[in-house]
PDB file of N, CA and C in Angstrom:
ATOM      1  N   MET A   1     184.578 111.930  76.019  1.00  0.00           N
ATOM      2  CA  MET A   1     184.683 110.686  76.737  1.00  0.00           C
ATOM      3  C   MET A   1     183.647 109.717  76.186  1.00  0.00           C
ATOM      4  N   THR A   2     184.029 108.495  75.993  1.00  0.00           N
ATOM      5  CA  THR A   2     183.130 107.471  75.481  1.00  0.00           C
ATOM      6  C   THR A   2     182.416 106.796  76.644  1.00  0.00           C
ATOM      7  N   VAL A   3     181.138 106.562  76.475  1.00  0.00           N
ATOM      8  CA  VAL A   3     180.375 105.840  77.484  1.00  0.00           C
ATOM      9  C   VAL A   3     180.835 104.392  77.466  1.00  0.00           C
ATOM     10  N   PRO A   4     181.076 103.797  78.668  1.00  0.00           N
ATOM     11  CA  PRO A   4     181.549 102.418  78.688  1.00  0.00           C
ATOM     12  C   PRO A   4     180.635 101.512  77.869  1.00  0.00           C
ATOM     13  N   GLY A   5     181.260 100.662  77.065  1.00  0.00           N
ATOM     14  CA  GLY A   5     180.496  99.714  76.273  1.00  0.00           C
ATOM     15  C   GLY A   5     179.976 100.272  74.962  1.00  0.00           C
ATOM     16  N   SER A   6     180.203 101.572  74.674  1.00  0.00           N
ATOM     17  CA  SER A   6     179.655 102.159  73.459  1.00  0.00           C
ATOM     18  C   SER A   6     180.655 102.162  72.303  1.00  0.00           C
ATOM     19  N   GLY A   7     181.898 101.716  72.566  1.00  0.00           N
ATOM     20  CA  GLY A   7     182.903 101.691  71.507  1.00  0.00           C
ATOM     21  C   GLY A   7     182.613 100.577  70.521  1.00  0.00           C
ATOM     22  N   ALA A   8     183.283 100.635  69.400  1.00  0.00           N
ATOM     23  CA  ALA A   8     183.112  99.599  68.381  1.00  0.00           C
ATOM     24  C   ALA A   8     183.634  98.271  68.919  1.00  0.00           C
ATOM     25  N   PRO A   9     183.007  97.162  68.529  1.00  0.00           N
ATOM     26  CA  PRO A   9     183.470  95.851  68.989  1.00  0.00           C
ATOM     27  C   PRO A   9     184.927  95.632  68.610  1.00  0.00           C
ATOM     28  N   GLY A  10     185.689  95.078  69.551  1.00  0.00           N
ATOM     29  CA  GLY A  10     187.087  94.768  69.293  1.00  0.00           C
ATOM     30  C   GLY A  10     188.048  95.924  69.516  1.00  0.00           C
ATOM     31  N   THR A  11     187.563  97.140  69.877  1.00  0.00           N
ATOM     32  CA  THR A  11     188.449  98.272  70.132  1.00  0.00           C
ATOM     33  C   THR A  11     188.534  98.498  71.636  1.00  0.00           C
ATOM     34  N   PRO A  12     189.687  98.967  72.112  1.00  0.00           N
ATOM     35  CA  PRO A  12     189.813  99.208  73.550  1.00  0.00           C
ATOM     36  C   PRO A  12     188.862 100.319  73.996  1.00  0.00           C
ATOM     37  N   SER A  13     188.359 100.184  75.162  1.00  0.00           N
ATOM     38  CA  SER A  13     187.414 101.147  75.715  1.00  0.00           C
ATOM     39  C   SER A  13     188.143 102.354  76.294  1.00  0.00           C
ATOM     40  N   SER A  14     187.538 103.533  76.164  1.00  0.00           N
ATOM     41  CA  SER A  14     188.104 104.738  76.770  1.00  0.00           C
ATOM     42  C   SER A  14     188.169 104.588  78.278  1.00  0.00           C
ATOM     43  N   SER A  15     187.201 103.884  78.839  1.00  0.00           N
ATOM     44  CA  SER A  15     187.198 103.673  80.290  1.00  0.00           C
ATOM     45  C   SER A  15     188.437 102.913  80.723  1.00  0.00           C
ATOM     46  N   ARG A  16     188.846 101.937  79.942  1.00  0.00           N
ATOM     47  CA  ARG A  16     190.048 101.165  80.269  1.00  0.00           C
ATOM     48  C   ARG A  16     191.271 102.070  80.206  1.00  0.00           C
ATOM     49  N   ASP A  17     191.327 102.957  79.195  1.00  0.00           N
ATOM     50  CA  ASP A  17     192.450 103.888  79.085  1.00  0.00           C
ATOM     51  C   ASP A  17     192.511 104.805  80.299  1.00  0.00           C
ATOM     52  N   ILE A  18     191.378 105.328  80.723  1.00  0.00           N
ATOM     53  CA  ILE A  18     191.339 106.224  81.879  1.00  0.00           C
ATOM     54  C   ILE A  18     191.691 105.478  83.157  1.00  0.00           C
ATOM     55  N   ALA A  19     191.288 104.223  83.254  1.00  0.00           N
ATOM     56  CA  ALA A  19     191.581 103.427  84.443  1.00  0.00           C
ATOM     57  C   ALA A  19     193.082 103.248  84.644  1.00  0.00           C
ATOM     58  N   ASP A  20     193.851 103.339  83.579  1.00  0.00           N
ATOM     59  CA  ASP A  20     195.300 103.167  83.658  1.00  0.00           C
ATOM     60  C   ASP A  20     196.041 104.448  84.031  1.00  0.00           C
ATOM     61  N   VAL A  21     195.341 105.575  84.085  1.00  0.00           N
ATOM     62  CA  VAL A  21     195.973 106.856  84.385  1.00  0.00           C
ATOM     63  C   VAL A  21     195.836 107.143  85.879  1.00  0.00           C
ATOM     64  N   PRO A  22     196.955 107.402  86.560  1.00  0.00           N
ATOM     65  CA  PRO A  22     196.884 107.703  87.991  1.00  0.00           C
ATOM     66  C   PRO A  22     196.088 108.989  88.263  1.00  0.00           C
ATOM     67  N   ALA A  23     195.413 109.013  89.394  1.00  0.00           N
ATOM     68  CA  ALA A  23     194.591 110.164  89.774  1.00  0.00           C
ATOM     69  C   ALA A  23     195.407 111.452  89.816  1.00  0.00           C
ATOM     70  N   VAL A  24     196.663 111.382  90.237  1.00  0.00           N
ATOM     71  CA  VAL A  24     197.495 112.584  90.301  1.00  0.00           C
ATOM     72  C   VAL A  24     197.681 113.187  88.912  1.00  0.00           C
ATOM     73  N   GLU A  25     197.786 112.362  87.881  1.00  0.00           N
ATOM     74  CA  GLU A  25     197.937 112.873  86.514  1.00  0.00           C
ATOM     75  C   GLU A  25     196.640 113.509  86.019  1.00  0.00           C
ATOM     76  N   ILE A  26     195.523 112.890  86.310  1.00  0.00           N
ATOM     77  CA  ILE A  26     194.235 113.446  85.887  1.00  0.00           C
ATOM     78  C   ILE A  26     193.990 114.779  86.587  1.00  0.00           C
ATOM     79  N   THR A  27     194.258 114.821  87.884  1.00  0.00           N
ATOM     80  CA  THR A  27     194.064 116.053  88.651  1.00  0.00           C
ATOM     81  C   THR A  27     194.996 117.154  88.153  1.00  0.00           C
ATOM     82  N   SER A  28     196.254 116.819  87.938  1.00  0.00           N
ATOM     83  CA  SER A  28     197.223 117.812  87.454  1.00  0.00           C
ATOM     84  C   SER A  28     196.853 118.320  86.068  1.00  0.00           C
ATOM     85  N   THR A  29     196.385 117.436  85.206  1.00  0.00           N
ATOM     86  CA  THR A  29     195.977 117.841  83.855  1.00  0.00           C
ATOM     87  C   THR A  29     194.788 118.786  83.915  1.00  0.00           C
ATOM     88  N   ALA A  30     193.810 118.478  84.759  1.00  0.00           N
ATOM     89  CA  ALA A  30     192.650 119.363  84.906  1.00  0.00           C
ATOM     90  C   ALA A  30     193.096 120.730  85.420  1.00  0.00           C
ATOM     91  N   ALA A  31     194.010 120.735  86.391  1.00  0.00           N
ATOM     92  CA  ALA A  31     194.514 122.001  86.939  1.00  0.00           C
ATOM     93  C   ALA A  31     195.243 122.796  85.861  1.00  0.00           C
ATOM     94  N   LEU A  32     196.041 122.132  85.052  1.00  0.00           N
ATOM     95  CA  LEU A  32     196.778 122.833  83.986  1.00  0.00           C
ATOM     96  C   LEU A  32     195.836 123.431  82.944  1.00  0.00           C
ATOM     97  N   HIS A  33     194.753 122.736  82.640  1.00  0.00           N
ATOM     98  CA  HIS A  33     193.766 123.293  81.712  1.00  0.00           C
ATOM     99  C   HIS A  33     193.123 124.549  82.306  1.00  0.00           C
ATOM    100  N   LEU A  34     192.787 124.506  83.588  1.00  0.00           N
ATOM    101  CA  LEU A  34     192.206 125.682  84.254  1.00  0.00           C
ATOM    102  C   LEU A  34     193.216 126.829  84.270  1.00  0.00           C
ATOM    103  N   MET A  35     194.473 126.515  84.560  1.00  0.00           N
ATOM    104  CA  MET A  35     195.521 127.549  84.582  1.00  0.00           C
ATOM    105  C   MET A  35     195.685 128.190  83.210  1.00  0.00           C
ATOM    106  N   SER A  36     195.751 127.365  82.190  1.00  0.00           N
ATOM    107  CA  SER A  36     195.940 127.892  80.834  1.00  0.00           C
ATOM    108  C   SER A  36     194.782 128.786  80.411  1.00  0.00           C
ATOM    109  N   ALA A  37     193.565 128.338  80.681  1.00  0.00           N
ATOM    110  CA  ALA A  37     192.392 129.131  80.312  1.00  0.00           C
ATOM    111  C   ALA A  37     192.354 130.439  81.094  1.00  0.00           C
ATOM    112  N   ALA A  38     192.702 130.391  82.364  1.00  0.00           N
ATOM    113  CA  ALA A  38     192.726 131.615  83.174  1.00  0.00           C
ATOM    114  C   ALA A  38     193.777 132.586  82.634  1.00  0.00           C
ATOM    115  N   ALA A  39     194.945 132.073  82.297  1.00  0.00           N
ATOM    116  CA  ALA A  39     196.009 132.929  81.765  1.00  0.00           C
ATOM    117  C   ALA A  39     195.576 133.608  80.473  1.00  0.00           C
ATOM    118  N   VAL A  40     194.926 132.877  79.595  1.00  0.00           N
ATOM    119  CA  VAL A  40     194.430 133.464  78.341  1.00  0.00           C
ATOM    120  C   VAL A  40     193.449 134.588  78.652  1.00  0.00           C
ATOM    121  N   ASN A  41     192.545 134.353  79.605  1.00  0.00           N
ATOM    122  CA  ASN A  41     191.533 135.365  79.936  1.00  0.00           C
ATOM    123  C   ASN A  41     192.099 136.540  80.726  1.00  0.00           C
ATOM    124  N   LEU A  42     193.325 136.403  81.210  1.00  0.00           N
ATOM    125  CA  LEU A  42     194.010 137.526  81.857  1.00  0.00           C
ATOM    126  C   LEU A  42     194.882 138.302  80.869  1.00  0.00           C
ATOM    127  N   GLY A  43     194.867 137.880  79.599  1.00  0.00           N
ATOM    128  CA  GLY A  43     195.669 138.561  78.584  1.00  0.00           C
ATOM    129  C   GLY A  43     197.122 138.145  78.599  1.00  0.00           C
ATOM    130  N   LEU A  44     197.437 136.983  79.158  1.00  0.00           N
ATOM    131  CA  LEU A  44     198.820 136.541  79.279  1.00  0.00           C
ATOM    132  C   LEU A  44     199.275 135.625  78.147  1.00  0.00           C
ATOM    133  N   ALA A  45     198.379 135.317  77.216  1.00  0.00           N
ATOM    134  CA  ALA A  45     198.756 134.458  76.090  1.00  0.00           C
ATOM    135  C   ALA A  45     199.562 135.270  75.087  1.00  0.00           C
ATOM    136  N   GLU A  46     200.713 134.741  74.684  1.00  0.00           N
ATOM    137  CA  GLU A  46     201.580 135.453  73.744  1.00  0.00           C
ATOM    138  C   GLU A  46     200.881 135.746  72.427  1.00  0.00           C
ATOM    139  N   ASP A  47     200.039 134.809  71.970  1.00  0.00           N
ATOM    140  CA  ASP A  47     199.396 134.994  70.673  1.00  0.00           C
ATOM    141  C   ASP A  47     198.042 135.694  70.766  1.00  0.00           C
ATOM    142  N   LEU A  48     197.609 136.067  71.979  1.00  0.00           N
ATOM    143  CA  LEU A  48     196.324 136.739  72.148  1.00  0.00           C
ATOM    144  C   LEU A  48     196.378 137.709  73.339  1.00  0.00           C
ATOM    145  N   PRO A  49     197.401 138.599  73.371  1.00  0.00           N
ATOM    146  CA  PRO A  49     197.584 139.453  74.551  1.00  0.00           C
ATOM    147  C   PRO A  49     196.469 140.477  74.766  1.00  0.00           C
ATOM    148  N   GLU A  50     195.712 140.780  73.711  1.00  0.00           N
ATOM    149  CA  GLU A  50     194.648 141.779  73.859  1.00  0.00           C
ATOM    150  C   GLU A  50     193.378 141.191  74.457  1.00  0.00           C
ATOM    151  N   HIS A  51     193.311 139.867  74.569  1.00  0.00           N
ATOM    152  CA  HIS A  51     192.102 139.230  75.107  1.00  0.00           C
ATOM    153  C   HIS A  51     192.130 139.266  76.631  1.00  0.00           C
ATOM    154  N   VAL A  52     191.177 139.989  77.211  1.00  0.00           N
ATOM    155  CA  VAL A  52     191.035 140.037  78.667  1.00  0.00           C
ATOM    156  C   VAL A  52     189.558 139.895  78.998  1.00  0.00           C
ATOM    157  N   ASP A  53     189.246 138.894  79.787  1.00  0.00           N
ATOM    158  CA  ASP A  53     187.883 138.674  80.274  1.00  0.00           C
ATOM    159  C   ASP A  53     188.000 138.293  81.744  1.00  0.00           C
ATOM    160  N   LEU A  54     187.960 139.305  82.605  1.00  0.00           N
ATOM    161  CA  LEU A  54     188.199 139.077  84.031  1.00  0.00           C
ATOM    162  C   LEU A  54     187.102 138.262  84.695  1.00  0.00           C
ATOM    163  N   ASP A  55     185.880 138.335  84.194  1.00  0.00           N
ATOM    164  CA  ASP A  55     184.804 137.523  84.754  1.00  0.00           C
ATOM    165  C   ASP A  55     185.096 136.042  84.537  1.00  0.00           C
ATOM    166  N   GLU A  56     185.488 135.702  83.319  1.00  0.00           N
ATOM    167  CA  GLU A  56     185.859 134.319  83.017  1.00  0.00           C
ATOM    168  C   GLU A  56     187.095 133.908  83.814  1.00  0.00           C
ATOM    169  N   ALA A  57     188.083 134.792  83.883  1.00  0.00           N
ATOM    170  CA  ALA A  57     189.305 134.488  84.632  1.00  0.00           C
ATOM    171  C   ALA A  57     188.988 134.225  86.100  1.00  0.00           C
ATOM    172  N   ARG A  58     188.109 135.028  86.693  1.00  0.00           N
ATOM    173  CA  ARG A  58     187.734 134.843  88.097  1.00  0.00           C
ATOM    174  C   ARG A  58     187.130 133.455  88.313  1.00  0.00           C
ATOM    175  N   THR A  59     186.215 133.073  87.448  1.00  0.00           N
ATOM    176  CA  THR A  59     185.570 131.756  87.569  1.00  0.00           C
ATOM    177  C   THR A  59     186.596 130.635  87.470  1.00  0.00           C
ATOM    178  N   LEU A  60     187.504 130.742  86.518  1.00  0.00           N
ATOM    179  CA  LEU A  60     188.525 129.715  86.322  1.00  0.00           C
ATOM    180  C   LEU A  60     189.493 129.642  87.502  1.00  0.00           C
ATOM    181  N   ILE A  61     189.890 130.790  88.025  1.00  0.00           N
ATOM    182  CA  ILE A  61     190.808 130.816  89.165  1.00  0.00           C
ATOM    183  C   ILE A  61     190.130 130.264  90.412  1.00  0.00           C
ATOM    184  N   GLU A  62     188.866 130.607  90.621  1.00  0.00           N
ATOM    185  CA  GLU A  62     188.143 130.060  91.770  1.00  0.00           C
ATOM    186  C   GLU A  62     187.995 128.547  91.658  1.00  0.00           C
ATOM    187  N   SER A  63     187.731 128.050  90.455  1.00  0.00           N
ATOM    188  CA  SER A  63     187.640 126.605  90.237  1.00  0.00           C
ATOM    189  C   SER A  63     188.984 125.934  90.496  1.00  0.00           C
ATOM    190  N   LEU A  64     190.045 126.555  90.018  1.00  0.00           N
ATOM    191  CA  LEU A  64     191.388 126.033  90.248  1.00  0.00           C
ATOM    192  C   LEU A  64     191.707 126.000  91.739  1.00  0.00           C
ATOM    193  N   ALA A  65     191.361 127.059  92.452  1.00  0.00           N
ATOM    194  CA  ALA A  65     191.617 127.102  93.901  1.00  0.00           C
ATOM    195  C   ALA A  65     190.884 125.974  94.618  1.00  0.00           C
ATOM    196  N   GLY A  66     189.650 125.720  94.217  1.00  0.00           N
ATOM    197  CA  GLY A  66     188.896 124.628  94.823  1.00  0.00           C
ATOM    198  C   GLY A  66     189.551 123.286  94.561  1.00  0.00           C
ATOM    199  N   LEU A  67     189.961 123.066  93.324  1.00  0.00           N
ATOM    200  CA  LEU A  67     190.597 121.799  92.963  1.00  0.00           C
ATOM    201  C   LEU A  67     191.916 121.615  93.714  1.00  0.00           C
ATOM    202  N   VAL A  68     192.762 122.619  93.689  1.00  0.00           N
ATOM    203  CA  VAL A  68     194.078 122.511  94.324  1.00  0.00           C
ATOM    204  C   VAL A  68     193.935 122.345  95.833  1.00  0.00           C
ATOM    205  N   THR A  69     193.051 123.116  96.440  1.00  0.00           N
ATOM    206  CA  THR A  69     192.860 123.032  97.894  1.00  0.00           C
ATOM    207  C   THR A  69     192.340 121.657  98.301  1.00  0.00           C
ATOM    208  N   ALA A  70     191.381 121.149  97.546  1.00  0.00           N
ATOM    209  CA  ALA A  70     190.796 119.849  97.888  1.00  0.00           C
ATOM    210  C   ALA A  70     191.768 118.700  97.615  1.00  0.00           C
ATOM    211  N   ALA A  71     192.534 118.791  96.545  1.00  0.00           N
ATOM    212  CA  ALA A  71     193.383 117.675  96.135  1.00  0.00           C
ATOM    213  C   ALA A  71     194.760 117.668  96.801  1.00  0.00           C
ATOM    214  N   ALA A  72     195.227 118.807  97.273  1.00  0.00           N
ATOM    215  CA  ALA A  72     196.598 118.913  97.782  1.00  0.00           C
ATOM    216  C   ALA A  72     196.973 117.848  98.818  1.00  0.00           C
ATOM    217  N   PRO A  73     196.129 117.567  99.790  1.00  0.00           N
ATOM    218  CA  PRO A  73     196.535 116.547 100.772  1.00  0.00           C
ATOM    219  C   PRO A  73     196.790 115.174 100.144  1.00  0.00           C
ATOM    220  N   ARG A  74     196.064 114.835  99.113  1.00  0.00           N
ATOM    221  CA  ARG A  74     196.242 113.532  98.459  1.00  0.00           C
ATOM    222  C   ARG A  74     197.372 113.551  97.429  1.00  0.00           C
ATOM    223  N   LEU A  75     197.654 114.735  96.861  1.00  0.00           N
ATOM    224  CA  LEU A  75     198.695 114.834  95.845  1.00  0.00           C
ATOM    225  C   LEU A  75     200.089 114.791  96.449  1.00  0.00           C
ATOM    226  N   GLY A  76     200.219 115.275  97.676  1.00  0.00           N
ATOM    227  CA  GLY A  76     201.530 115.383  98.298  1.00  0.00           C
ATOM    228  C   GLY A  76     202.225 116.665  97.862  1.00  0.00           C
ATOM    229  N   HIS A  77     203.222 117.058  98.632  1.00  0.00           N
ATOM    230  CA  HIS A  77     203.910 118.325  98.398  1.00  0.00           C
ATOM    231  C   HIS A  77     204.552 118.392  97.013  1.00  0.00           C
ATOM    232  N   HIS A  78     205.149 117.312  96.575  1.00  0.00           N
ATOM    233  CA  HIS A  78     205.874 117.283  95.301  1.00  0.00           C
ATOM    234  C   HIS A  78     204.971 117.700  94.129  1.00  0.00           C
ATOM    235  N   HIS A  79     203.719 117.263  94.130  1.00  0.00           N
ATOM    236  CA  HIS A  79     202.800 117.593  93.042  1.00  0.00           C
ATOM    237  C   HIS A  79     201.983 118.845  93.341  1.00  0.00           C
ATOM    238  N   ALA A  80     201.658 119.078  94.607  1.00  0.00           N
ATOM    239  CA  ALA A  80     200.794 120.207  94.962  1.00  0.00           C
ATOM    240  C   ALA A  80     201.526 121.549  94.920  1.00  0.00           C
ATOM    241  N   ALA A  81     202.794 121.585  95.270  1.00  0.00           N
ATOM    242  CA  ALA A  81     203.526 122.858  95.346  1.00  0.00           C
ATOM    243  C   ALA A  81     203.521 123.624  94.020  1.00  0.00           C
ATOM    244  N   PRO A  82     203.828 122.997  92.884  1.00  0.00           N
ATOM    245  CA  PRO A  82     203.794 123.768  91.633  1.00  0.00           C
ATOM    246  C   PRO A  82     202.382 124.246  91.282  1.00  0.00           C
ATOM    247  N   LEU A  83     201.368 123.460  91.638  1.00  0.00           N
ATOM    248  CA  LEU A  83     199.991 123.891  91.372  1.00  0.00           C
ATOM    249  C   LEU A  83     199.639 125.087  92.240  1.00  0.00           C
ATOM    250  N   ARG A  84     200.057 125.055  93.495  1.00  0.00           N
ATOM    251  CA  ARG A  84     199.816 126.211  94.386  1.00  0.00           C
ATOM    252  C   ARG A  84     200.540 127.448  93.875  1.00  0.00           C
ATOM    253  N   ASP A  85     201.781 127.277  93.413  1.00  0.00           N
ATOM    254  CA  ASP A  85     202.547 128.411  92.879  1.00  0.00           C
ATOM    255  C   ASP A  85     201.862 129.003  91.649  1.00  0.00           C
ATOM    256  N   GLY A  86     201.399 128.138  90.764  1.00  0.00           N
ATOM    257  CA  GLY A  86     200.690 128.611  89.576  1.00  0.00           C
ATOM    258  C   GLY A  86     199.409 129.333  89.925  1.00  0.00           C
ATOM    259  N   LEU A  87     198.679 128.794  90.890  1.00  0.00           N
ATOM    260  CA  LEU A  87     197.444 129.438  91.358  1.00  0.00           C
ATOM    261  C   LEU A  87     197.750 130.818  91.915  1.00  0.00           C
ATOM    262  N   ARG A  88     198.763 130.907  92.768  1.00  0.00           N
ATOM    263  CA  ARG A  88     199.127 132.198  93.371  1.00  0.00           C
ATOM    264  C   ARG A  88     199.529 133.213  92.296  1.00  0.00           C
ATOM    265  N   THR A  89     200.275 132.768  91.306  1.00  0.00           N
ATOM    266  CA  THR A  89     200.694 133.645  90.211  1.00  0.00           C
ATOM    267  C   THR A  89     199.477 134.190  89.463  1.00  0.00           C
ATOM    268  N   LEU A  90     198.501 133.330  89.205  1.00  0.00           N
ATOM    269  CA  LEU A  90     197.278 133.778  88.520  1.00  0.00           C
ATOM    270  C   LEU A  90     196.476 134.728  89.400  1.00  0.00           C
ATOM    271  N   GLN A  91     196.422 134.464  90.691  1.00  0.00           N
ATOM    272  CA  GLN A  91     195.695 135.362  91.600  1.00  0.00           C
ATOM    273  C   GLN A  91     196.345 136.750  91.606  1.00  0.00           C
ATOM    274  N   LEU A  92     197.664 136.793  91.625  1.00  0.00           N
ATOM    275  CA  LEU A  92     198.365 138.087  91.581  1.00  0.00           C
ATOM    276  C   LEU A  92     198.171 138.770  90.234  1.00  0.00           C
ATOM    277  N   ALA A  93     198.207 138.009  89.149  1.00  0.00           N
ATOM    278  CA  ALA A  93     197.993 138.579  87.816  1.00  0.00           C
ATOM    279  C   ALA A  93     196.585 139.154  87.708  1.00  0.00           C
ATOM    280  N   PHE A  94     195.615 138.486  88.327  1.00  0.00           N
ATOM    281  CA  PHE A  94     194.249 138.994  88.313  1.00  0.00           C
ATOM    282  C   PHE A  94     194.198 140.341  89.033  1.00  0.00           C
ATOM    283  N   ARG A  95     194.825 140.439  90.191  1.00  0.00           N
ATOM    284  CA  ARG A  95     194.844 141.710  90.940  1.00  0.00           C
ATOM    285  C   ARG A  95     195.477 142.817  90.095  1.00  0.00           C
ATOM    286  N   GLU A  96     196.539 142.474  89.377  1.00  0.00           N
ATOM    287  CA  GLU A  96     197.210 143.451  88.520  1.00  0.00           C
ATOM    288  C   GLU A  96     196.329 143.903  87.364  1.00  0.00           C
ATOM    289  N   ALA A  97     195.587 142.980  86.778  1.00  0.00           N
ATOM    290  CA  ALA A  97     194.772 143.272  85.595  1.00  0.00           C
ATOM    291  C   ALA A  97     193.474 143.996  85.936  1.00  0.00           C
ATOM    292  N   SER A  98     193.018 143.851  87.159  1.00  0.00           N
ATOM    293  CA  SER A  98     191.722 144.411  87.542  1.00  0.00           C
ATOM    294  C   SER A  98     191.824 145.896  87.868  1.00  0.00           C
ATOM    295  N   THR A  99     190.882 146.668  87.340  1.00  0.00           N
ATOM    296  CA  THR A  99     190.854 148.100  87.647  1.00  0.00           C
ATOM    297  C   THR A  99     190.110 148.370  88.951  1.00  0.00           C
ATOM    298  N   ILE A 100     189.291 147.410  89.380  1.00  0.00           N
ATOM    299  CA  ILE A 100     188.560 147.527  90.654  1.00  0.00           C
ATOM    300  C   ILE A 100     189.194 146.548  91.625  1.00  0.00           C
ATOM    301  N   GLU A 101     189.826 147.084  92.658  1.00  0.00           N
ATOM    302  CA  GLU A 101     190.564 146.239  93.586  1.00  0.00           C
ATOM    303  C   GLU A 101     189.627 145.491  94.528  1.00  0.00           C
ATOM    304  N   ASP A 102     189.819 144.169  94.603  1.00  0.00           N
ATOM    305  CA  ASP A 102     189.092 143.365  95.583  1.00  0.00           C
ATOM    306  C   ASP A 102     189.726 143.586  96.950  1.00  0.00           C
ATOM    307  N   PRO A 103     188.907 143.619  98.011  1.00  0.00           N
ATOM    308  CA  PRO A 103     189.501 143.685  99.352  1.00  0.00           C
ATOM    309  C   PRO A 103     190.341 142.439  99.611  1.00  0.00           C
ATOM    310  N   PRO A 104     191.328 142.524 100.509  1.00  0.00           N
ATOM    311  CA  PRO A 104     192.135 141.340 100.828  1.00  0.00           C
ATOM    312  C   PRO A 104     191.235 140.174 101.251  1.00  0.00           C
ATOM    313  N   GLY A 105     191.510 139.015 100.683  1.00  0.00           N
ATOM    314  CA  GLY A 105     190.717 137.826 100.985  1.00  0.00           C
ATOM    315  C   GLY A 105     189.477 137.675 100.128  1.00  0.00           C
ATOM    316  N   GLU A 106     189.194 138.657  99.266  1.00  0.00           N
ATOM    317  CA  GLU A 106     187.997 138.613  98.416  1.00  0.00           C
ATOM    318  C   GLU A 106     188.326 138.389  96.943  1.00  0.00           C
ATOM    319  N   GLY A 107     189.600 138.295  96.593  1.00  0.00           N
ATOM    320  CA  GLY A 107     189.993 138.046  95.208  1.00  0.00           C
ATOM    321  C   GLY A 107     189.627 136.619  94.813  1.00  0.00           C
ATOM    322  N   PRO A 108     189.777 136.287  93.548  1.00  0.00           N
ATOM    323  CA  PRO A 108     189.385 134.951  93.103  1.00  0.00           C
ATOM    324  C   PRO A 108     190.160 133.848  93.829  1.00  0.00           C
ATOM    325  N   GLY A 109     189.395 132.956  94.442  1.00  0.00           N
ATOM    326  CA  GLY A 109     189.975 131.818  95.139  1.00  0.00           C
ATOM    327  C   GLY A 109     190.520 132.106  96.519  1.00  0.00           C
ATOM    328  N   GLU A 110     190.527 133.370  96.927  1.00  0.00           N
ATOM    329  CA  GLU A 110     191.153 133.724  98.203  1.00  0.00           C
ATOM    330  C   GLU A 110     190.353 133.259  99.424  1.00  0.00           C
ATOM    331  N   LYS A 111     189.085 132.963  99.246  1.00  0.00           N
ATOM    332  CA  LYS A 111     188.326 132.399 100.373  1.00  0.00           C
ATOM    333  C   LYS A 111     188.866 131.004 100.721  1.00  0.00           C
ATOM    334  N   LEU A 112     189.483 130.361  99.741  1.00  0.00           N
ATOM    335  CA  LEU A 112     190.059 129.030  99.943  1.00  0.00           C
ATOM    336  C   LEU A 112     191.546 129.068 100.268  1.00  0.00           C
ATOM    337  N   THR A 113     192.265 130.037  99.707  1.00  0.00           N
ATOM    338  CA  THR A 113     193.723 130.072  99.857  1.00  0.00           C
ATOM    339  C   THR A 113     194.203 131.103 100.861  1.00  0.00           C
ATOM    340  N   GLY A 114     193.337 132.028 101.230  1.00  0.00           N
ATOM    341  CA  GLY A 114     193.766 133.172 102.028  1.00  0.00           C
ATOM    342  C   GLY A 114     194.214 134.286 101.094  1.00  0.00           C
ATOM    343  N   PRO A 115     194.369 135.488 101.632  1.00  0.00           N
ATOM    344  CA  PRO A 115     194.754 136.636 100.795  1.00  0.00           C
ATOM    345  C   PRO A 115     196.124 136.429 100.154  1.00  0.00           C
ATOM    346  N   VAL A 116     196.275 136.919  98.945  1.00  0.00           N
ATOM    347  CA  VAL A 116     197.580 136.875  98.271  1.00  0.00           C
ATOM    348  C   VAL A 116     198.111 138.287  98.135  1.00  0.00           C
ATOM    349  N   ARG A 117     199.399 138.400  98.337  1.00  0.00           N
ATOM    350  CA  ARG A 117     200.099 139.675  98.184  1.00  0.00           C
ATOM    351  C   ARG A 117     201.431 139.379  97.519  1.00  0.00           C
ATOM    352  N   PRO A 118     201.960 140.347  96.777  1.00  0.00           N
ATOM    353  CA  PRO A 118     203.300 140.115  96.215  1.00  0.00           C
ATOM    354  C   PRO A 118     204.293 139.864  97.347  1.00  0.00           C
ATOM    355  N   ARG A 119     205.216 138.964  97.101  1.00  0.00           N
ATOM    356  CA  ARG A 119     206.238 138.673  98.113  1.00  0.00           C
ATOM    357  C   ARG A 119     207.183 139.851  98.227  1.00  0.00           C
ATOM    358  N   SER A 120     207.573 140.141  99.457  1.00  0.00           N
ATOM    359  CA  SER A 120     208.556 141.196  99.686  1.00  0.00           C
ATOM    360  C   SER A 120     209.927 140.681  99.286  1.00  0.00           C
ATOM    361  N   PRO A 121     210.756 141.561  98.724  1.00  0.00           N
ATOM    362  CA  PRO A 121     212.113 141.097  98.377  1.00  0.00           C
ATOM    363  C   PRO A 121     212.866 140.715  99.647  1.00  0.00           C
ATOM    364  N   ARG A 122     213.712 139.716  99.524  1.00  0.00           N
ATOM    365  CA  ARG A 122     214.517 139.283 100.672  1.00  0.00           C
ATOM    366  C   ARG A 122     215.587 140.315 100.942  1.00  0.00           C
ATOM    367  N   PRO A 123     215.902 140.519 102.213  1.00  0.00           N
ATOM    368  CA  PRO A 123     216.972 141.467 102.526  1.00  0.00           C
ATOM    369  C   PRO A 123     218.281 141.026 101.862  1.00  0.00           C
ATOM    370  N   GLY A 124     218.974 141.977 101.279  1.00  0.00           N
ATOM    371  CA  GLY A 124     220.247 141.702 100.646  1.00  0.00           C
ATOM    372  C   GLY A 124     220.156 141.193  99.222  1.00  0.00           C
ATOM    373  N   SER A 125     218.904 141.118  98.668  1.00  0.00           N
ATOM    374  CA  SER A 125     218.818 140.642  97.275  1.00  0.00           C
ATOM    375  C   SER A 125     218.445 141.742  96.342  1.00  0.00           C
TER     376      SER A 125
END
């Protein structure tokens, strides 16, 4: 990020570019970066499946939970729902990848989201 006023004379400022981006896009982009990094550290990247760092994944998932929980009321359901779904998927993937089971409500981000459990199949499906 460029400090306001530090760009070359006659060039548009980075601050002006950021000012034109809606907060929902900035928030969603930050969440997607956290999701992607968490997925890589859970070994879910197609090109790096052997990489697993659960400590890093926990930190990223907890950060994502904080962002999604805090921003959801302002984002509205349309934007918040996919972020919540992605967060829940990462929380479940973390439980699957971990050899030491966290108690319910103690997994990454669960203090903010509540305990996560796999969904039960619907009757008749």
